[in-house]
Amino acid sequence: MPGRRWWLLIVLIETLLFCTIGYNLNGGEPSIPWALAGLACGALTVFVFVRAQKSPKK
């Protein structure tokens, strides 16, 4: 699992990936919904990593 220092990078990479996809699908125009979806996806990924790290190990 990535540590805390990687969380912002994970969110940034996923946001940029979604922005690129939205930009290409939108005919070369910026797409706010795709950017927001990227932020949400990045935040959800980090949240899952945090929960997985805090869960008790067996």
PDB file of N, CA and C in Angstrom:
ATOM      1  N   MET A   1       0.833  -1.185   0.000  1.00  0.00           N
ATOM      2  CA  MET A   1       0.000   0.000   0.000  1.00  0.00           C
ATOM      3  C   MET A   1       0.874   1.243   0.000  1.00  0.00           C
ATOM      4  N   PRO A   2       0.524   2.221  -0.800  1.00  0.00           N
ATOM      5  CA  PRO A   2       1.298   3.457  -0.807  1.00  0.00           C
ATOM      6  C   PRO A   2       1.119   4.225   0.504  1.00  0.00           C
ATOM      7  N   GLY A   3       2.169   4.882   0.914  1.00  0.00           N
ATOM      8  CA  GLY A   3       2.130   5.658   2.145  1.00  0.00           C
ATOM      9  C   GLY A   3       1.469   7.003   1.951  1.00  0.00           C
ATOM     10  N   ARG A   4       1.398   7.720   3.041  1.00  0.00           N
ATOM     11  CA  ARG A   4       0.727   9.017   3.050  1.00  0.00           C
ATOM     12  C   ARG A   4       1.354   9.998   2.072  1.00  0.00           C
ATOM     13  N   ARG A   5       2.668   9.893   1.861  1.00  0.00           N
ATOM     14  CA  ARG A   5       3.339  10.846   0.971  1.00  0.00           C
ATOM     15  C   ARG A   5       2.917  10.690  -0.489  1.00  0.00           C
ATOM     16  N   TRP A   6       2.290   9.584  -0.846  1.00  0.00           N
ATOM     17  CA  TRP A   6       1.875   9.338  -2.227  1.00  0.00           C
ATOM     18  C   TRP A   6       0.428   9.702  -2.490  1.00  0.00           C
ATOM     19  N   TRP A   7      -0.339  10.015  -1.478  1.00  0.00           N
ATOM     20  CA  TRP A   7      -1.762  10.244  -1.649  1.00  0.00           C
ATOM     21  C   TRP A   7      -2.064  11.374  -2.626  1.00  0.00           C
ATOM     22  N   LEU A   8      -1.406  12.498  -2.463  1.00  0.00           N
ATOM     23  CA  LEU A   8      -1.658  13.638  -3.349  1.00  0.00           C
ATOM     24  C   LEU A   8      -1.273  13.307  -4.791  1.00  0.00           C
ATOM     25  N   LEU A   9      -0.195  12.577  -4.960  1.00  0.00           N
ATOM     26  CA  LEU A   9       0.228  12.184  -6.307  1.00  0.00           C
ATOM     27  C   LEU A   9      -0.790  11.256  -6.958  1.00  0.00           C
ATOM     28  N   ILE A  10      -1.354  10.347  -6.188  1.00  0.00           N
ATOM     29  CA  ILE A  10      -2.384   9.446  -6.720  1.00  0.00           C
ATOM     30  C   ILE A  10      -3.591  10.250  -7.188  1.00  0.00           C
ATOM     31  N   VAL A  11      -4.046  11.190  -6.370  1.00  0.00           N
ATOM     32  CA  VAL A  11      -5.197  12.022  -6.748  1.00  0.00           C
ATOM     33  C   VAL A  11      -4.873  12.849  -7.989  1.00  0.00           C
ATOM     34  N   LEU A  12      -3.679  13.412  -8.046  1.00  0.00           N
ATOM     35  CA  LEU A  12      -3.287  14.232  -9.193  1.00  0.00           C
ATOM     36  C   LEU A  12      -3.243  13.412 -10.479  1.00  0.00           C
ATOM     37  N   ILE A  13      -2.651  12.234 -10.421  1.00  0.00           N
ATOM     38  CA  ILE A  13      -2.546  11.394 -11.622  1.00  0.00           C
ATOM     39  C   ILE A  13      -3.925  10.981 -12.114  1.00  0.00           C
ATOM     40  N   GLU A  14      -4.797  10.555 -11.204  1.00  0.00           N
ATOM     41  CA  GLU A  14      -6.140  10.151 -11.636  1.00  0.00           C
ATOM     42  C   GLU A  14      -6.929  11.335 -12.175  1.00  0.00           C
ATOM     43  N   THR A  15      -6.782  12.505 -11.569  1.00  0.00           N
ATOM     44  CA  THR A  15      -7.480  13.695 -12.077  1.00  0.00           C
ATOM     45  C   THR A  15      -6.984  14.064 -13.474  1.00  0.00           C
ATOM     46  N   LEU A  16      -5.663  14.045 -13.669  1.00  0.00           N
ATOM     47  CA  LEU A  16      -5.123  14.359 -14.992  1.00  0.00           C
ATOM     48  C   LEU A  16      -5.543  13.336 -16.040  1.00  0.00           C
ATOM     49  N   LEU A  17      -5.611  12.080 -15.645  1.00  0.00           N
ATOM     50  CA  LEU A  17      -6.058  11.042 -16.572  1.00  0.00           C
ATOM     51  C   LEU A  17      -7.500  11.291 -17.003  1.00  0.00           C
ATOM     52  N   PHE A  18      -8.361  11.566 -16.044  1.00  0.00           N
ATOM     53  CA  PHE A  18      -9.762  11.845 -16.376  1.00  0.00           C
ATOM     54  C   PHE A  18      -9.892  13.132 -17.192  1.00  0.00           C
ATOM     55  N   CYS A  19      -9.100  14.154 -16.870  1.00  0.00           N
ATOM     56  CA  CYS A  19      -9.139  15.405 -17.636  1.00  0.00           C
ATOM     57  C   CYS A  19      -8.735  15.171 -19.088  1.00  0.00           C
ATOM     58  N   THR A  20      -7.714  14.353 -19.292  1.00  0.00           N
ATOM     59  CA  THR A  20      -7.264  14.042 -20.651  1.00  0.00           C
ATOM     60  C   THR A  20      -8.341  13.299 -21.432  1.00  0.00           C
ATOM     61  N   ILE A  21      -8.960  12.320 -20.790  1.00  0.00           N
ATOM     62  CA  ILE A  21     -10.035  11.574 -21.456  1.00  0.00           C
ATOM     63  C   ILE A  21     -11.189  12.510 -21.801  1.00  0.00           C
ATOM     64  N   GLY A  22     -11.611  13.330 -20.835  1.00  0.00           N
ATOM     65  CA  GLY A  22     -12.707  14.269 -21.080  1.00  0.00           C
ATOM     66  C   GLY A  22     -12.377  15.292 -22.148  1.00  0.00           C
ATOM     67  N   TYR A  23     -11.134  15.749 -22.176  1.00  0.00           N
ATOM     68  CA  TYR A  23     -10.698  16.720 -23.181  1.00  0.00           C
ATOM     69  C   TYR A  23     -10.797  16.116 -24.580  1.00  0.00           C
ATOM     70  N   ASN A  24     -10.348  14.875 -24.717  1.00  0.00           N
ATOM     71  CA  ASN A  24     -10.400  14.225 -26.032  1.00  0.00           C
ATOM     72  C   ASN A  24     -11.828  13.896 -26.451  1.00  0.00           C
ATOM     73  N   LEU A  25     -12.660  13.476 -25.526  1.00  0.00           N
ATOM     74  CA  LEU A  25     -14.050  13.158 -25.856  1.00  0.00           C
ATOM     75  C   LEU A  25     -14.890  14.410 -26.116  1.00  0.00           C
ATOM     76  N   ASN A  26     -14.460  15.533 -25.588  1.00  0.00           N
ATOM     77  CA  ASN A  26     -15.213  16.776 -25.719  1.00  0.00           C
ATOM     78  C   ASN A  26     -14.746  17.608 -26.916  1.00  0.00           C
ATOM     79  N   GLY A  27     -13.986  17.020 -27.801  1.00  0.00           N
ATOM     80  CA  GLY A  27     -13.576  17.729 -29.016  1.00  0.00           C
ATOM     81  C   GLY A  27     -12.524  18.791 -28.783  1.00  0.00           C
ATOM     82  N   GLY A  28     -11.640  18.583 -27.829  1.00  0.00           N
ATOM     83  CA  GLY A  28     -10.565  19.534 -27.582  1.00  0.00           C
ATOM     84  C   GLY A  28     -10.929  20.686 -26.667  1.00  0.00           C
ATOM     85  N   GLU A  29     -12.058  20.590 -26.006  1.00  0.00           N
ATOM     86  CA  GLU A  29     -12.489  21.608 -25.049  1.00  0.00           C
ATOM     87  C   GLU A  29     -12.385  21.031 -23.635  1.00  0.00           C
ATOM     88  N   PRO A  30     -12.023  21.844 -22.649  1.00  0.00           N
ATOM     89  CA  PRO A  30     -11.979  21.340 -21.271  1.00  0.00           C
ATOM     90  C   PRO A  30     -13.349  20.851 -20.803  1.00  0.00           C
ATOM     91  N   SER A  31     -13.342  19.813 -20.016  1.00  0.00           N
ATOM     92  CA  SER A  31     -14.587  19.240 -19.529  1.00  0.00           C
ATOM     93  C   SER A  31     -14.576  19.223 -18.001  1.00  0.00           C
ATOM     94  N   ILE A  32     -15.376  20.092 -17.401  1.00  0.00           N
ATOM     95  CA  ILE A  32     -15.456  20.184 -15.944  1.00  0.00           C
ATOM     96  C   ILE A  32     -16.020  18.900 -15.319  1.00  0.00           C
ATOM     97  N   PRO A  33     -17.077  18.295 -15.877  1.00  0.00           N
ATOM     98  CA  PRO A  33     -17.581  17.055 -15.268  1.00  0.00           C
ATOM     99  C   PRO A  33     -16.533  15.940 -15.223  1.00  0.00           C
ATOM    100  N   TRP A  34     -15.724  15.827 -16.250  1.00  0.00           N
ATOM    101  CA  TRP A  34     -14.678  14.795 -16.247  1.00  0.00           C
ATOM    102  C   TRP A  34     -13.603  15.125 -15.213  1.00  0.00           C
ATOM    103  N   ALA A  35     -13.290  16.387 -15.049  1.00  0.00           N
ATOM    104  CA  ALA A  35     -12.305  16.781 -14.044  1.00  0.00           C
ATOM    105  C   ALA A  35     -12.824  16.483 -12.634  1.00  0.00           C
ATOM    106  N   LEU A  36     -14.090  16.776 -12.388  1.00  0.00           N
ATOM    107  CA  LEU A  36     -14.677  16.481 -11.085  1.00  0.00           C
ATOM    108  C   LEU A  36     -14.756  14.973 -10.840  1.00  0.00           C
ATOM    109  N   ALA A  37     -15.044  14.224 -11.890  1.00  0.00           N
ATOM    110  CA  ALA A  37     -15.062  12.763 -11.757  1.00  0.00           C
ATOM    111  C   ALA A  37     -13.669  12.239 -11.419  1.00  0.00           C
ATOM    112  N   GLY A  38     -12.645  12.835 -12.001  1.00  0.00           N
ATOM    113  CA  GLY A  38     -11.275  12.436 -11.690  1.00  0.00           C
ATOM    114  C   GLY A  38     -10.911  12.729 -10.249  1.00  0.00           C
ATOM    115  N   LEU A  39     -11.330  13.891  -9.755  1.00  0.00           N
ATOM    116  CA  LEU A  39     -11.086  14.224  -8.346  1.00  0.00           C
ATOM    117  C   LEU A  39     -11.799  13.245  -7.421  1.00  0.00           C
ATOM    118  N   ALA A  40     -13.036  12.933  -7.763  1.00  0.00           N
ATOM    119  CA  ALA A  40     -13.802  12.001  -6.936  1.00  0.00           C
ATOM    120  C   ALA A  40     -13.172  10.610  -6.958  1.00  0.00           C
ATOM    121  N   CYS A  41     -12.749  10.168  -8.114  1.00  0.00           N
ATOM    122  CA  CYS A  41     -12.120   8.854  -8.234  1.00  0.00           C
ATOM    123  C   CYS A  41     -10.805   8.812  -7.459  1.00  0.00           C
ATOM    124  N   GLY A  42     -10.011   9.854  -7.560  1.00  0.00           N
ATOM    125  CA  GLY A  42      -8.758   9.921  -6.820  1.00  0.00           C
ATOM    126  C   GLY A  42      -8.986   9.922  -5.323  1.00  0.00           C
ATOM    127  N   ALA A  43      -9.966  10.694  -4.880  1.00  0.00           N
ATOM    128  CA  ALA A  43     -10.272  10.740  -3.452  1.00  0.00           C
ATOM    129  C   ALA A  43     -10.778   9.388  -2.957  1.00  0.00           C
ATOM    130  N   LEU A  44     -11.591   8.722  -3.756  1.00  0.00           N
ATOM    131  CA  LEU A  44     -12.099   7.409  -3.383  1.00  0.00           C
ATOM    132  C   LEU A  44     -10.969   6.384  -3.306  1.00  0.00           C
ATOM    133  N   THR A  45     -10.038   6.442  -4.234  1.00  0.00           N
ATOM    134  CA  THR A  45      -8.895   5.529  -4.219  1.00  0.00           C
ATOM    135  C   THR A  45      -8.071   5.718  -2.953  1.00  0.00           C
ATOM    136  N   VAL A  46      -7.782   6.961  -2.608  1.00  0.00           N
ATOM    137  CA  VAL A  46      -7.010   7.238  -1.399  1.00  0.00           C
ATOM    138  C   VAL A  46      -7.785   6.789  -0.160  1.00  0.00           C
ATOM    139  N   PHE A  47      -9.093   7.019  -0.144  1.00  0.00           N
ATOM    140  CA  PHE A  47      -9.914   6.588   0.983  1.00  0.00           C
ATOM    141  C   PHE A  47      -9.849   5.071   1.165  1.00  0.00           C
ATOM    142  N   VAL A  48      -9.904   4.337   0.072  1.00  0.00           N
ATOM    143  CA  VAL A  48      -9.817   2.875   0.143  1.00  0.00           C
ATOM    144  C   VAL A  48      -8.444   2.453   0.664  1.00  0.00           C
ATOM    145  N   PHE A  49      -7.383   3.107   0.213  1.00  0.00           N
ATOM    146  CA  PHE A  49      -6.043   2.788   0.715  1.00  0.00           C
ATOM    147  C   PHE A  49      -5.948   3.043   2.223  1.00  0.00           C
ATOM    148  N   VAL A  50      -6.504   4.156   2.673  1.00  0.00           N
ATOM    149  CA  VAL A  50      -6.456   4.491   4.090  1.00  0.00           C
ATOM    150  C   VAL A  50      -7.211   3.441   4.900  1.00  0.00           C
ATOM    151  N   ARG A  51      -8.386   3.078   4.436  1.00  0.00           N
ATOM    152  CA  ARG A  51      -9.185   2.066   5.164  1.00  0.00           C
ATOM    153  C   ARG A  51      -8.471   0.722   5.179  1.00  0.00           C
ATOM    154  N   ALA A  52      -7.838   0.369   4.079  1.00  0.00           N
ATOM    155  CA  ALA A  52      -7.130  -0.912   4.013  1.00  0.00           C
ATOM    156  C   ALA A  52      -5.932  -0.929   4.952  1.00  0.00           C
ATOM    157  N   GLN A  53      -5.261   0.203   5.113  1.00  0.00           N
ATOM    158  CA  GLN A  53      -4.107   0.269   6.005  1.00  0.00           C
ATOM    159  C   GLN A  53      -4.526   0.242   7.461  1.00  0.00           C
ATOM    160  N   LYS A  54      -5.700   0.760   7.777  1.00  0.00           N
ATOM    161  CA  LYS A  54      -6.167   0.800   9.165  1.00  0.00           C
ATOM    162  C   LYS A  54      -6.861  -0.487   9.591  1.00  0.00           C
ATOM    163  N   SER A  55      -7.255  -1.326   8.647  1.00  0.00           N
ATOM    164  CA  SER A  55      -7.959  -2.549   9.003  1.00  0.00           C
ATOM    165  C   SER A  55      -7.019  -3.500   9.734  1.00  0.00           C
ATOM    166  N   PRO A  56      -7.543  -4.238  10.696  1.00  0.00           N
ATOM    167  CA  PRO A  56      -6.674  -5.147  11.459  1.00  0.00           C
ATOM    168  C   PRO A  56      -6.159  -6.290  10.584  1.00  0.00           C
ATOM    169  N   LYS A  57      -4.889  -6.566  10.760  1.00  0.00           N
ATOM    170  CA  LYS A  57      -4.256  -7.649  10.000  1.00  0.00           C
ATOM    171  C   LYS A  57      -4.452  -8.958  10.753  1.00  0.00           C
ATOM    172  N   LYS A  58      -4.679 -10.030  10.026  1.00  0.00           N
ATOM    173  CA  LYS A  58      -4.842 -11.336  10.665  1.00  0.00           C
ATOM    174  C   LYS A  58      -3.631 -12.201  10.409  1.00  0.00           C
TER     175      LYS A  58
END
